[in-house]
N, C-alpha and C. Protein backbone atom coordinates (compact mmCIF):
# COMPACT_ATOMS: atom_id res chain seq x y z
N MET A 1 -4.58 -33.50 -13.39
CA MET A 1 -4.95 -32.22 -12.80
C MET A 1 -3.79 -31.25 -12.97
N THR A 2 -4.10 -30.00 -13.24
CA THR A 2 -3.07 -29.00 -13.51
C THR A 2 -2.78 -28.15 -12.27
N ASN A 3 -1.58 -27.57 -12.21
CA ASN A 3 -1.19 -26.71 -11.10
C ASN A 3 -1.50 -25.24 -11.35
N GLU A 4 -2.13 -24.94 -12.49
CA GLU A 4 -2.45 -23.54 -12.79
C GLU A 4 -3.48 -23.03 -11.80
N GLN A 5 -3.30 -21.77 -11.36
CA GLN A 5 -4.25 -21.18 -10.43
C GLN A 5 -5.35 -20.49 -11.21
N GLN A 6 -6.57 -20.69 -10.76
CA GLN A 6 -7.70 -20.03 -11.38
C GLN A 6 -7.87 -18.65 -10.75
N PRO A 7 -8.36 -17.67 -11.52
CA PRO A 7 -8.46 -16.29 -11.03
C PRO A 7 -9.25 -16.13 -9.74
N ASN A 8 -10.29 -16.92 -9.53
CA ASN A 8 -11.11 -16.77 -8.33
C ASN A 8 -10.68 -17.67 -7.19
N GLN A 9 -9.58 -18.36 -7.36
CA GLN A 9 -9.07 -19.23 -6.30
C GLN A 9 -8.51 -18.36 -5.17
N ILE A 10 -8.86 -18.71 -3.93
CA ILE A 10 -8.37 -17.99 -2.77
C ILE A 10 -7.10 -18.67 -2.26
N VAL A 11 -6.07 -17.88 -2.03
CA VAL A 11 -4.81 -18.40 -1.50
C VAL A 11 -4.44 -17.63 -0.24
N GLN A 12 -3.67 -18.26 0.62
CA GLN A 12 -3.16 -17.57 1.81
C GLN A 12 -1.78 -17.01 1.48
N VAL A 13 -1.59 -15.75 1.86
CA VAL A 13 -0.33 -15.05 1.59
C VAL A 13 0.11 -14.39 2.89
N THR A 14 1.37 -14.51 3.21
CA THR A 14 1.92 -13.79 4.35
C THR A 14 2.80 -12.66 3.82
N ILE A 15 2.49 -11.45 4.26
CA ILE A 15 3.30 -10.29 3.88
C ILE A 15 3.89 -9.69 5.14
N LEU A 16 4.99 -8.98 4.98
CA LEU A 16 5.60 -8.26 6.10
C LEU A 16 5.41 -6.77 5.89
N ILE A 17 4.85 -6.13 6.91
CA ILE A 17 4.74 -4.67 6.92
C ILE A 17 5.46 -4.20 8.17
N ALA A 18 6.49 -3.40 7.98
CA ALA A 18 7.31 -2.90 9.09
C ALA A 18 7.78 -4.03 10.00
N GLY A 19 8.16 -5.16 9.38
CA GLY A 19 8.71 -6.26 10.13
C GLY A 19 7.69 -7.18 10.78
N ARG A 20 6.40 -6.88 10.65
CA ARG A 20 5.36 -7.73 11.23
C ARG A 20 4.69 -8.55 10.14
N PRO A 21 4.48 -9.83 10.41
CA PRO A 21 3.82 -10.67 9.41
C PRO A 21 2.29 -10.53 9.49
N TYR A 22 1.67 -10.53 8.32
CA TYR A 22 0.21 -10.48 8.21
C TYR A 22 -0.22 -11.58 7.25
N LEU A 23 -1.07 -12.47 7.74
CA LEU A 23 -1.60 -13.55 6.93
C LEU A 23 -2.89 -13.06 6.28
N LEU A 24 -2.94 -13.11 4.96
CA LEU A 24 -4.10 -12.64 4.21
C LEU A 24 -4.65 -13.76 3.34
N LYS A 25 -5.93 -13.71 3.09
CA LYS A 25 -6.56 -14.58 2.10
C LYS A 25 -6.94 -13.68 0.94
N VAL A 26 -6.38 -13.96 -0.24
CA VAL A 26 -6.58 -13.11 -1.41
C VAL A 26 -6.86 -13.98 -2.63
N ASN A 27 -7.42 -13.36 -3.66
CA ASN A 27 -7.56 -14.05 -4.94
C ASN A 27 -6.16 -14.34 -5.47
N ALA A 28 -5.99 -15.51 -6.02
CA ALA A 28 -4.69 -15.90 -6.55
C ALA A 28 -4.20 -14.90 -7.59
N ALA A 29 -5.12 -14.34 -8.36
CA ALA A 29 -4.74 -13.37 -9.39
C ALA A 29 -4.17 -12.08 -8.78
N ASP A 30 -4.46 -11.81 -7.51
CA ASP A 30 -4.00 -10.58 -6.86
C ASP A 30 -2.73 -10.77 -6.04
N GLU A 31 -2.23 -11.98 -5.96
CA GLU A 31 -1.09 -12.26 -5.08
C GLU A 31 0.14 -11.41 -5.40
N ALA A 32 0.50 -11.34 -6.66
CA ALA A 32 1.69 -10.55 -7.04
C ALA A 32 1.48 -9.08 -6.72
N LEU A 33 0.28 -8.57 -6.95
CA LEU A 33 -0.02 -7.17 -6.62
C LEU A 33 0.12 -6.92 -5.13
N ILE A 34 -0.37 -7.82 -4.30
CA ILE A 34 -0.28 -7.67 -2.85
C ILE A 34 1.19 -7.59 -2.42
N HIS A 35 2.03 -8.43 -2.99
CA HIS A 35 3.46 -8.41 -2.64
C HIS A 35 4.12 -7.09 -3.08
N ARG A 36 3.77 -6.61 -4.27
CA ARG A 36 4.33 -5.33 -4.75
C ARG A 36 3.88 -4.17 -3.86
N LEU A 37 2.60 -4.17 -3.47
CA LEU A 37 2.10 -3.10 -2.61
C LEU A 37 2.76 -3.14 -1.23
N ALA A 38 2.96 -4.33 -0.68
CA ALA A 38 3.63 -4.45 0.61
C ALA A 38 5.04 -3.89 0.53
N LYS A 39 5.74 -4.18 -0.57
CA LYS A 39 7.09 -3.63 -0.75
C LYS A 39 7.04 -2.12 -0.85
N GLU A 40 6.08 -1.60 -1.60
CA GLU A 40 5.95 -0.15 -1.76
C GLU A 40 5.65 0.53 -0.42
N ILE A 41 4.78 -0.07 0.38
CA ILE A 41 4.46 0.47 1.71
C ILE A 41 5.71 0.49 2.57
N ASN A 42 6.44 -0.62 2.60
CA ASN A 42 7.67 -0.68 3.39
C ASN A 42 8.70 0.33 2.91
N ASP A 43 8.82 0.50 1.60
CA ASP A 43 9.78 1.46 1.05
C ASP A 43 9.41 2.89 1.45
N LYS A 44 8.12 3.23 1.38
CA LYS A 44 7.68 4.58 1.76
C LYS A 44 7.89 4.83 3.25
N ALA A 45 7.56 3.84 4.08
CA ALA A 45 7.75 3.99 5.52
C ALA A 45 9.23 4.14 5.85
N THR A 46 10.08 3.40 5.16
CA THR A 46 11.53 3.50 5.36
C THR A 46 12.04 4.88 4.94
N ALA A 47 11.49 5.42 3.86
CA ALA A 47 11.89 6.75 3.41
C ALA A 47 11.49 7.82 4.42
N PHE A 48 10.30 7.68 5.00
CA PHE A 48 9.88 8.63 6.05
C PHE A 48 10.82 8.53 7.24
N LYS A 49 11.19 7.31 7.61
CA LYS A 49 12.09 7.11 8.76
C LYS A 49 13.47 7.72 8.49
N ALA A 50 13.95 7.60 7.26
CA ALA A 50 15.25 8.17 6.92
C ALA A 50 15.20 9.69 6.92
N ALA A 51 14.07 10.25 6.48
CA ALA A 51 13.94 11.71 6.44
C ALA A 51 13.68 12.30 7.82
N GLN A 52 13.05 11.51 8.69
CA GLN A 52 12.71 12.00 10.03
C GLN A 52 13.06 10.91 11.06
N PRO A 53 14.35 10.78 11.37
CA PRO A 53 14.79 9.69 12.25
C PRO A 53 14.15 9.70 13.64
N SER A 54 13.64 10.84 14.09
CA SER A 54 13.03 10.90 15.41
C SER A 54 11.65 10.26 15.45
N LYS A 55 11.07 10.00 14.29
CA LYS A 55 9.73 9.39 14.23
C LYS A 55 9.84 7.89 14.46
N ASP A 56 8.87 7.33 15.17
CA ASP A 56 8.88 5.88 15.36
C ASP A 56 8.15 5.19 14.20
N THR A 57 8.15 3.87 14.21
CA THR A 57 7.57 3.10 13.12
C THR A 57 6.10 3.42 12.93
N GLN A 58 5.36 3.56 14.01
CA GLN A 58 3.93 3.87 13.93
C GLN A 58 3.71 5.20 13.22
N ASP A 59 4.52 6.21 13.55
CA ASP A 59 4.41 7.52 12.88
C ASP A 59 4.68 7.39 11.38
N CYS A 60 5.70 6.63 11.04
CA CYS A 60 6.06 6.46 9.62
C CYS A 60 4.97 5.72 8.85
N LEU A 61 4.35 4.73 9.48
CA LEU A 61 3.24 4.03 8.83
C LEU A 61 2.03 4.95 8.69
N ALA A 62 1.77 5.79 9.69
CA ALA A 62 0.66 6.74 9.60
C ALA A 62 0.89 7.73 8.47
N LEU A 63 2.10 8.22 8.31
CA LEU A 63 2.43 9.14 7.23
C LEU A 63 2.30 8.45 5.87
N THR A 64 2.69 7.18 5.80
CA THR A 64 2.53 6.42 4.57
C THR A 64 1.05 6.28 4.23
N LEU A 65 0.23 5.95 5.21
CA LEU A 65 -1.21 5.82 5.00
C LEU A 65 -1.80 7.15 4.53
N LEU A 66 -1.40 8.24 5.15
CA LEU A 66 -1.89 9.55 4.75
C LEU A 66 -1.51 9.87 3.30
N THR A 67 -0.29 9.51 2.90
CA THR A 67 0.15 9.71 1.52
C THR A 67 -0.77 8.98 0.55
N TYR A 68 -1.09 7.72 0.85
CA TYR A 68 -2.00 6.96 -0.01
C TYR A 68 -3.40 7.56 -0.02
N ALA A 69 -3.88 8.04 1.13
CA ALA A 69 -5.21 8.63 1.20
C ALA A 69 -5.29 9.90 0.34
N VAL A 70 -4.26 10.72 0.37
CA VAL A 70 -4.23 11.94 -0.44
C VAL A 70 -4.22 11.57 -1.92
N GLU A 71 -3.39 10.60 -2.30
CA GLU A 71 -3.33 10.17 -3.70
C GLU A 71 -4.68 9.62 -4.16
N LEU A 72 -5.34 8.83 -3.33
CA LEU A 72 -6.65 8.28 -3.67
C LEU A 72 -7.68 9.39 -3.81
N HIS A 73 -7.66 10.32 -2.90
CA HIS A 73 -8.60 11.44 -2.95
C HIS A 73 -8.41 12.26 -4.22
N ARG A 74 -7.17 12.55 -4.54
CA ARG A 74 -6.90 13.33 -5.76
C ARG A 74 -7.32 12.59 -7.02
N SER A 75 -7.12 11.28 -7.04
CA SER A 75 -7.45 10.52 -8.25
C SER A 75 -8.96 10.29 -8.40
N SER A 76 -9.71 10.38 -7.32
CA SER A 76 -11.15 10.11 -7.40
C SER A 76 -11.97 11.38 -7.59
N ARG A 77 -11.35 12.54 -7.43
CA ARG A 77 -12.07 13.81 -7.64
C ARG A 77 -12.18 14.10 -9.12
N PRO A 78 -13.32 14.63 -9.54
CA PRO A 78 -13.40 15.06 -10.95
C PRO A 78 -12.45 16.23 -11.17
N SER A 79 -11.93 16.32 -12.34
CA SER A 79 -11.01 17.39 -12.68
C SER A 79 -11.75 18.71 -12.76
N VAL A 80 -11.51 19.56 -11.81
CA VAL A 80 -12.13 20.89 -11.79
C VAL A 80 -11.01 21.90 -11.71
N PRO A 81 -11.00 22.87 -12.62
CA PRO A 81 -9.93 23.86 -12.57
C PRO A 81 -10.01 24.68 -11.28
N GLU A 82 -8.84 25.00 -10.74
CA GLU A 82 -8.80 25.84 -9.54
C GLU A 82 -9.05 27.28 -9.94
N LEU A 83 -9.85 27.97 -9.13
CA LEU A 83 -10.12 29.38 -9.38
C LEU A 83 -9.29 30.20 -8.41
N HIS A 84 -8.68 31.22 -8.92
CA HIS A 84 -7.87 32.10 -8.10
C HIS A 84 -8.45 33.52 -8.20
N PRO A 85 -8.66 34.18 -7.07
CA PRO A 85 -9.19 35.55 -7.15
C PRO A 85 -8.22 36.48 -7.87
N ALA A 86 -8.78 37.42 -8.59
CA ALA A 86 -7.95 38.37 -9.35
C ALA A 86 -7.44 39.47 -8.46
């Protein structure tokens, strides 16, 4: 029997977001992506905290989530040129 993971195999992964552990069940093929995204989320939240030290962790995570929502919205909209009144 081989130790290779099949793409549809479900694995348990623990990630840390803002110091809290989250146990997830994901496709084995997505495990590396999940770890990269968790790092990116933590990095963005840390950047918000550095830029605005008065904000608490919850505020920084909310701002991170909003950043992702804006990026998703922009990427899913069809490209329509902006019209500016003359």
